[in-house]
Amino acid sequence: MSAKKRYDARISATIPAPVKKRITALVESGKYNSTADFVRDAIYLLLDVKNREKGDILREKDFQNFIEKIS
């Protein structure tokens, strides 16, 4: 069985200092392991919202995770 290839992409973004402080506070409180984890979750949530708006449930991360668990 071959392992899935993982293609990571790096991005950079400038965000307002107050937003960065809120993200850092969430990381420091233990709700996220890192800033990258927070950003990843935020991106997945936004993509799911956009897919719901389009009516594309098959592309939603929750649905994909459900399919993976039952297969």
PDB file of N, CA and C in Angstrom:
ATOM      1  N   MET A   1       0.844  -1.173   0.000  1.00  0.00           N
ATOM      2  CA  MET A   1       0.000   0.000   0.000  1.00  0.00           C
ATOM      3  C   MET A   1       0.893   1.240   0.000  1.00  0.00           C
ATOM      4  N   SER A   2       0.673   2.113  -0.913  1.00  0.00           N
ATOM      5  CA  SER A   2       1.496   3.314  -0.986  1.00  0.00           C
ATOM      6  C   SER A   2       0.907   4.424  -0.134  1.00  0.00           C
ATOM      7  N   ALA A   3       1.782   5.200   0.428  1.00  0.00           N
ATOM      8  CA  ALA A   3       1.350   6.323   1.267  1.00  0.00           C
ATOM      9  C   ALA A   3       0.912   7.479   0.377  1.00  0.00           C
ATOM     10  N   LYS A   4      -0.056   8.241   0.887  1.00  0.00           N
ATOM     11  CA  LYS A   4      -0.498   9.420   0.146  1.00  0.00           C
ATOM     12  C   LYS A   4       0.601  10.458   0.148  1.00  0.00           C
ATOM     13  N   LYS A   5       0.783  11.081  -0.996  1.00  0.00           N
ATOM     14  CA  LYS A   5       1.734  12.186  -1.057  1.00  0.00           C
ATOM     15  C   LYS A   5       1.051  13.417  -0.497  1.00  0.00           C
ATOM     16  N   ARG A   6       1.772  14.146   0.300  1.00  0.00           N
ATOM     17  CA  ARG A   6       1.234  15.364   0.900  1.00  0.00           C
ATOM     18  C   ARG A   6       1.927  16.556   0.274  1.00  0.00           C
ATOM     19  N   TYR A   7       1.138  17.431  -0.260  1.00  0.00           N
ATOM     20  CA  TYR A   7       1.673  18.637  -0.877  1.00  0.00           C
ATOM     21  C   TYR A   7       1.314  19.824  -0.003  1.00  0.00           C
ATOM     22  N   ASP A   8       2.291  20.367   0.663  1.00  0.00           N
ATOM     23  CA  ASP A   8       2.071  21.523   1.522  1.00  0.00           C
ATOM     24  C   ASP A   8       2.378  22.796   0.749  1.00  0.00           C
ATOM     25  N   ALA A   9       1.625  23.810   1.034  1.00  0.00           N
ATOM     26  CA  ALA A   9       1.858  25.111   0.422  1.00  0.00           C
ATOM     27  C   ALA A   9       2.002  26.128   1.537  1.00  0.00           C
ATOM     28  N   ARG A  10       2.938  26.983   1.415  1.00  0.00           N
ATOM     29  CA  ARG A  10       3.125  28.045   2.404  1.00  0.00           C
ATOM     30  C   ARG A  10       2.525  29.324   1.855  1.00  0.00           C
ATOM     31  N   ILE A  11       1.863  30.027   2.746  1.00  0.00           N
ATOM     32  CA  ILE A  11       1.307  31.329   2.394  1.00  0.00           C
ATOM     33  C   ILE A  11       1.675  32.308   3.486  1.00  0.00           C
ATOM     34  N   SER A  12       1.613  33.559   3.162  1.00  0.00           N
ATOM     35  CA  SER A  12       1.820  34.572   4.185  1.00  0.00           C
ATOM     36  C   SER A  12       0.705  35.602   4.047  1.00  0.00           C
ATOM     37  N   ALA A  13       0.353  36.175   5.166  1.00  0.00           N
ATOM     38  CA  ALA A  13      -0.714  37.166   5.163  1.00  0.00           C
ATOM     39  C   ALA A  13      -0.429  38.187   6.248  1.00  0.00           C
ATOM     40  N   THR A  14      -0.831  39.392   5.997  1.00  0.00           N
ATOM     41  CA  THR A  14      -0.727  40.450   6.995  1.00  0.00           C
ATOM     42  C   THR A  14      -2.102  40.622   7.614  1.00  0.00           C
ATOM     43  N   ILE A  15      -2.153  40.488   8.936  1.00  0.00           N
ATOM     44  CA  ILE A  15      -3.420  40.648   9.648  1.00  0.00           C
ATOM     45  C   ILE A  15      -3.254  41.746  10.692  1.00  0.00           C
ATOM     46  N   PRO A  16      -4.346  42.352  11.097  1.00  0.00           N
ATOM     47  CA  PRO A  16      -4.255  43.410  12.101  1.00  0.00           C
ATOM     48  C   PRO A  16      -3.709  42.872  13.428  1.00  0.00           C
ATOM     49  N   ALA A  17      -2.948  43.695  14.122  1.00  0.00           N
ATOM     50  CA  ALA A  17      -2.334  43.294  15.395  1.00  0.00           C
ATOM     51  C   ALA A  17      -3.356  42.787  16.405  1.00  0.00           C
ATOM     52  N   PRO A  18      -4.533  43.418  16.537  1.00  0.00           N
ATOM     53  CA  PRO A  18      -5.512  42.893  17.504  1.00  0.00           C
ATOM     54  C   PRO A  18      -5.975  41.470  17.168  1.00  0.00           C
ATOM     55  N   VAL A  19      -6.087  41.169  15.889  1.00  0.00           N
ATOM     56  CA  VAL A  19      -6.486  39.818  15.473  1.00  0.00           C
ATOM     57  C   VAL A  19      -5.382  38.829  15.826  1.00  0.00           C
ATOM     58  N   LYS A  20      -4.151  39.202  15.572  1.00  0.00           N
ATOM     59  CA  LYS A  20      -3.011  38.347  15.920  1.00  0.00           C
ATOM     60  C   LYS A  20      -2.983  38.078  17.424  1.00  0.00           C
ATOM     61  N   LYS A  21      -3.267  39.108  18.227  1.00  0.00           N
ATOM     62  CA  LYS A  21      -3.291  38.935  19.678  1.00  0.00           C
ATOM     63  C   LYS A  21      -4.379  37.957  20.103  1.00  0.00           C
ATOM     64  N   ARG A  22      -5.543  38.018  19.454  1.00  0.00           N
ATOM     65  CA  ARG A  22      -6.634  37.095  19.779  1.00  0.00           C
ATOM     66  C   ARG A  22      -6.260  35.655  19.416  1.00  0.00           C
ATOM     67  N   ILE A  23      -5.619  35.491  18.267  1.00  0.00           N
ATOM     68  CA  ILE A  23      -5.181  34.155  17.849  1.00  0.00           C
ATOM     69  C   ILE A  23      -4.133  33.626  18.823  1.00  0.00           C
ATOM     70  N   THR A  24      -3.172  34.469  19.169  1.00  0.00           N
ATOM     71  CA  THR A  24      -2.113  34.073  20.105  1.00  0.00           C
ATOM     72  C   THR A  24      -2.705  33.690  21.457  1.00  0.00           C
ATOM     73  N   ALA A  25      -3.717  34.435  21.903  1.00  0.00           N
ATOM     74  CA  ALA A  25      -4.369  34.118  23.183  1.00  0.00           C
ATOM     75  C   ALA A  25      -5.032  32.745  23.132  1.00  0.00           C
ATOM     76  N   LEU A  26      -5.643  32.401  22.007  1.00  0.00           N
ATOM     77  CA  LEU A  26      -6.255  31.082  21.856  1.00  0.00           C
ATOM     78  C   LEU A  26      -5.204  29.974  21.887  1.00  0.00           C
ATOM     79  N   VAL A  27      -4.059  30.237  21.255  1.00  0.00           N
ATOM     80  CA  VAL A  27      -2.967  29.254  21.252  1.00  0.00           C
ATOM     81  C   VAL A  27      -2.418  29.096  22.665  1.00  0.00           C
ATOM     82  N   GLU A  28      -2.173  30.198  23.334  1.00  0.00           N
ATOM     83  CA  GLU A  28      -1.610  30.155  24.683  1.00  0.00           C
ATOM     84  C   GLU A  28      -2.559  29.523  25.699  1.00  0.00           C
ATOM     85  N   SER A  29      -3.868  29.635  25.454  1.00  0.00           N
ATOM     86  CA  SER A  29      -4.838  29.023  26.365  1.00  0.00           C
ATOM     87  C   SER A  29      -4.982  27.522  26.125  1.00  0.00           C
ATOM     88  N   GLY A  30      -4.351  27.036  25.069  1.00  0.00           N
ATOM     89  CA  GLY A  30      -4.375  25.601  24.792  1.00  0.00           C
ATOM     90  C   GLY A  30      -5.484  25.154  23.857  1.00  0.00           C
ATOM     91  N   LYS A  31      -6.257  26.079  23.337  1.00  0.00           N
ATOM     92  CA  LYS A  31      -7.334  25.699  22.421  1.00  0.00           C
ATOM     93  C   LYS A  31      -6.788  25.260  21.067  1.00  0.00           C
ATOM     94  N   TYR A  32      -5.613  25.708  20.723  1.00  0.00           N
ATOM     95  CA  TYR A  32      -4.922  25.309  19.489  1.00  0.00           C
ATOM     96  C   TYR A  32      -3.474  25.026  19.838  1.00  0.00           C
ATOM     97  N   ASN A  33      -2.883  24.092  19.105  1.00  0.00           N
ATOM     98  CA  ASN A  33      -1.479  23.747  19.344  1.00  0.00           C
ATOM     99  C   ASN A  33      -0.529  24.826  18.834  1.00  0.00           C
ATOM    100  N   SER A  34      -0.961  25.528  17.790  1.00  0.00           N
ATOM    101  CA  SER A  34      -0.102  26.544  17.189  1.00  0.00           C
ATOM    102  C   SER A  34      -0.949  27.520  16.391  1.00  0.00           C
ATOM    103  N   THR A  35      -0.318  28.605  15.986  1.00  0.00           N
ATOM    104  CA  THR A  35      -0.995  29.568  15.120  1.00  0.00           C
ATOM    105  C   THR A  35      -1.361  28.903  13.804  1.00  0.00           C
ATOM    106  N   ALA A  36      -0.481  28.048  13.305  1.00  0.00           N
ATOM    107  CA  ALA A  36      -0.751  27.340  12.052  1.00  0.00           C
ATOM    108  C   ALA A  36      -1.995  26.468  12.182  1.00  0.00           C
ATOM    109  N   ASP A  37      -2.171  25.794  13.328  1.00  0.00           N
ATOM    110  CA  ASP A  37      -3.374  24.978  13.537  1.00  0.00           C
ATOM    111  C   ASP A  37      -4.628  25.843  13.495  1.00  0.00           C
ATOM    112  N   PHE A  38      -4.573  27.006  14.123  1.00  0.00           N
ATOM    113  CA  PHE A  38      -5.711  27.915  14.096  1.00  0.00           C
ATOM    114  C   PHE A  38      -6.040  28.327  12.662  1.00  0.00           C
ATOM    115  N   VAL A  39      -5.013  28.726  11.925  1.00  0.00           N
ATOM    116  CA  VAL A  39      -5.221  29.190  10.548  1.00  0.00           C
ATOM    117  C   VAL A  39      -5.782  28.057   9.689  1.00  0.00           C
ATOM    118  N   ARG A  40      -5.247  26.845   9.853  1.00  0.00           N
ATOM    119  CA  ARG A  40      -5.752  25.692   9.108  1.00  0.00           C
ATOM    120  C   ARG A  40      -7.238  25.470   9.392  1.00  0.00           C
ATOM    121  N   ASP A  41      -7.610  25.468  10.676  1.00  0.00           N
ATOM    122  CA  ASP A  41      -9.020  25.283  11.037  1.00  0.00           C
ATOM    123  C   ASP A  41      -9.886  26.393  10.457  1.00  0.00           C
ATOM    124  N   ALA A  42      -9.410  27.616  10.536  1.00  0.00           N
ATOM    125  CA  ALA A  42     -10.176  28.747  10.009  1.00  0.00           C
ATOM    126  C   ALA A  42     -10.388  28.608   8.504  1.00  0.00           C
ATOM    127  N   ILE A  43      -9.364  28.175   7.796  1.00  0.00           N
ATOM    128  CA  ILE A  43      -9.477  28.004   6.347  1.00  0.00           C
ATOM    129  C   ILE A  43     -10.477  26.902   6.014  1.00  0.00           C
ATOM    130  N   TYR A  44     -10.381  25.759   6.713  1.00  0.00           N
ATOM    131  CA  TYR A  44     -11.335  24.674   6.466  1.00  0.00           C
ATOM    132  C   TYR A  44     -12.763  25.112   6.737  1.00  0.00           C
ATOM    133  N   LEU A  45     -12.972  25.852   7.832  1.00  0.00           N
ATOM    134  CA  LEU A  45     -14.315  26.330   8.146  1.00  0.00           C
ATOM    135  C   LEU A  45     -14.842  27.273   7.063  1.00  0.00           C
ATOM    136  N   LEU A  46     -13.993  28.174   6.613  1.00  0.00           N
ATOM    137  CA  LEU A  46     -14.409  29.106   5.565  1.00  0.00           C
ATOM    138  C   LEU A  46     -14.733  28.370   4.270  1.00  0.00           C
ATOM    139  N   LEU A  47     -13.911  27.393   3.913  1.00  0.00           N
ATOM    140  CA  LEU A  47     -14.184  26.624   2.703  1.00  0.00           C
ATOM    141  C   LEU A  47     -15.497  25.860   2.824  1.00  0.00           C
ATOM    142  N   ASP A  48     -15.771  25.303   4.006  1.00  0.00           N
ATOM    143  CA  ASP A  48     -17.044  24.611   4.214  1.00  0.00           C
ATOM    144  C   ASP A  48     -18.226  25.563   4.070  1.00  0.00           C
ATOM    145  N   VAL A  49     -18.105  26.756   4.618  1.00  0.00           N
ATOM    146  CA  VAL A  49     -19.182  27.748   4.497  1.00  0.00           C
ATOM    147  C   VAL A  49     -19.418  28.084   3.028  1.00  0.00           C
ATOM    148  N   LYS A  50     -18.346  28.311   2.311  1.00  0.00           N
ATOM    149  CA  LYS A  50     -18.473  28.649   0.883  1.00  0.00           C
ATOM    150  C   LYS A  50     -19.088  27.495   0.102  1.00  0.00           C
ATOM    151  N   ASN A  51     -18.704  26.257   0.422  1.00  0.00           N
ATOM    152  CA  ASN A  51     -19.273  25.101  -0.263  1.00  0.00           C
ATOM    153  C   ASN A  51     -20.757  24.949   0.063  1.00  0.00           C
ATOM    154  N   ARG A  52     -21.137  25.232   1.316  1.00  0.00           N
ATOM    155  CA  ARG A  52     -22.557  25.192   1.683  1.00  0.00           C
ATOM    156  C   ARG A  52     -23.337  26.240   0.903  1.00  0.00           C
ATOM    157  N   GLU A  53     -22.748  27.424   0.754  1.00  0.00           N
ATOM    158  CA  GLU A  53     -23.414  28.487  -0.001  1.00  0.00           C
ATOM    159  C   GLU A  53     -23.655  28.058  -1.447  1.00  0.00           C
ATOM    160  N   LYS A  54     -22.700  27.302  -1.986  1.00  0.00           N
ATOM    161  CA  LYS A  54     -22.821  26.809  -3.362  1.00  0.00           C
ATOM    162  C   LYS A  54     -23.694  25.559  -3.438  1.00  0.00           C
ATOM    163  N   GLY A  55     -24.015  24.972  -2.293  1.00  0.00           N
ATOM    164  CA  GLY A  55     -24.792  23.744  -2.278  1.00  0.00           C
ATOM    165  C   GLY A  55     -23.963  22.519  -2.603  1.00  0.00           C
ATOM    166  N   ASP A  56     -22.656  22.594  -2.403  1.00  0.00           N
ATOM    167  CA  ASP A  56     -21.743  21.505  -2.735  1.00  0.00           C
ATOM    168  C   ASP A  56     -21.359  20.732  -1.477  1.00  0.00           C
ATOM    169  N   ILE A  57     -22.298  19.949  -0.952  1.00  0.00           N
ATOM    170  CA  ILE A  57     -22.064  19.227   0.302  1.00  0.00           C
ATOM    171  C   ILE A  57     -20.954  18.186   0.165  1.00  0.00           C
ATOM    172  N   LEU A  58     -20.751  17.652  -1.023  1.00  0.00           N
ATOM    173  CA  LEU A  58     -19.729  16.623  -1.208  1.00  0.00           C
ATOM    174  C   LEU A  58     -18.319  17.141  -0.979  1.00  0.00           C
ATOM    175  N   ARG A  59     -18.133  18.436  -1.019  1.00  0.00           N
ATOM    176  CA  ARG A  59     -16.801  19.003  -0.824  1.00  0.00           C
ATOM    177  C   ARG A  59     -16.572  19.470   0.607  1.00  0.00           C
ATOM    178  N   GLU A  60     -17.582  19.414   1.449  1.00  0.00           N
ATOM    179  CA  GLU A  60     -17.438  19.862   2.832  1.00  0.00           C
ATOM    180  C   GLU A  60     -16.551  18.904   3.616  1.00  0.00           C
ATOM    181  N   LYS A  61     -15.677  19.448   4.432  1.00  0.00           N
ATOM    182  CA  LYS A  61     -14.711  18.652   5.195  1.00  0.00           C
ATOM    183  C   LYS A  61     -15.406  17.693   6.155  1.00  0.00           C
ATOM    184  N   ASP A  62     -16.474  18.123   6.832  1.00  0.00           N
ATOM    185  CA  ASP A  62     -17.194  17.241   7.749  1.00  0.00           C
ATOM    186  C   ASP A  62     -17.732  16.020   7.015  1.00  0.00           C
ATOM    187  N   PHE A  63     -18.271  16.236   5.835  1.00  0.00           N
ATOM    188  CA  PHE A  63     -18.805  15.129   5.049  1.00  0.00           C
ATOM    189  C   PHE A  63     -17.682  14.198   4.604  1.00  0.00           C
ATOM    190  N   GLN A  64     -16.567  14.766   4.197  1.00  0.00           N
ATOM    191  CA  GLN A  64     -15.416  13.952   3.778  1.00  0.00           C
ATOM    192  C   GLN A  64     -14.905  13.125   4.945  1.00  0.00           C
ATOM    193  N   ASN A  65     -14.817  13.705   6.131  1.00  0.00           N
ATOM    194  CA  ASN A  65     -14.377  12.964   7.313  1.00  0.00           C
ATOM    195  C   ASN A  65     -15.345  11.838   7.651  1.00  0.00           C
ATOM    196  N   PHE A  66     -16.643  12.087   7.512  1.00  0.00           N
ATOM    197  CA  PHE A  66     -17.644  11.068   7.769  1.00  0.00           C
ATOM    198  C   PHE A  66     -17.464   9.894   6.812  1.00  0.00           C
ATOM    199  N   ILE A  67     -17.278  10.180   5.558  1.00  0.00           N
ATOM    200  CA  ILE A  67     -17.079   9.124   4.553  1.00  0.00           C
ATOM    201  C   ILE A  67     -15.814   8.316   4.882  1.00  0.00           C
ATOM    202  N   GLU A  68     -14.741   8.988   5.274  1.00  0.00           N
ATOM    203  CA  GLU A  68     -13.504   8.291   5.610  1.00  0.00           C
ATOM    204  C   GLU A  68     -13.703   7.361   6.814  1.00  0.00           C
ATOM    205  N   LYS A  69     -14.491   7.798   7.799  1.00  0.00           N
ATOM    206  CA  LYS A  69     -14.710   6.978   9.003  1.00  0.00           C
ATOM    207  C   LYS A  69     -15.528   5.730   8.699  1.00  0.00           C
ATOM    208  N   ILE A  70     -16.484   5.828   7.806  1.00  0.00           N
ATOM    209  CA  ILE A  70     -17.335   4.670   7.540  1.00  0.00           C
ATOM    210  C   ILE A  70     -16.763   3.750   6.472  1.00  0.00           C
ATOM    211  N   SER A  71     -15.727   4.171   5.786  1.00  0.00           N
ATOM    212  CA  SER A  71     -15.163   3.298   4.739  1.00  0.00           C
ATOM    213  C   SER A  71     -14.030   2.460   5.254  1.00  0.00           C
TER     214      SER A  71
END
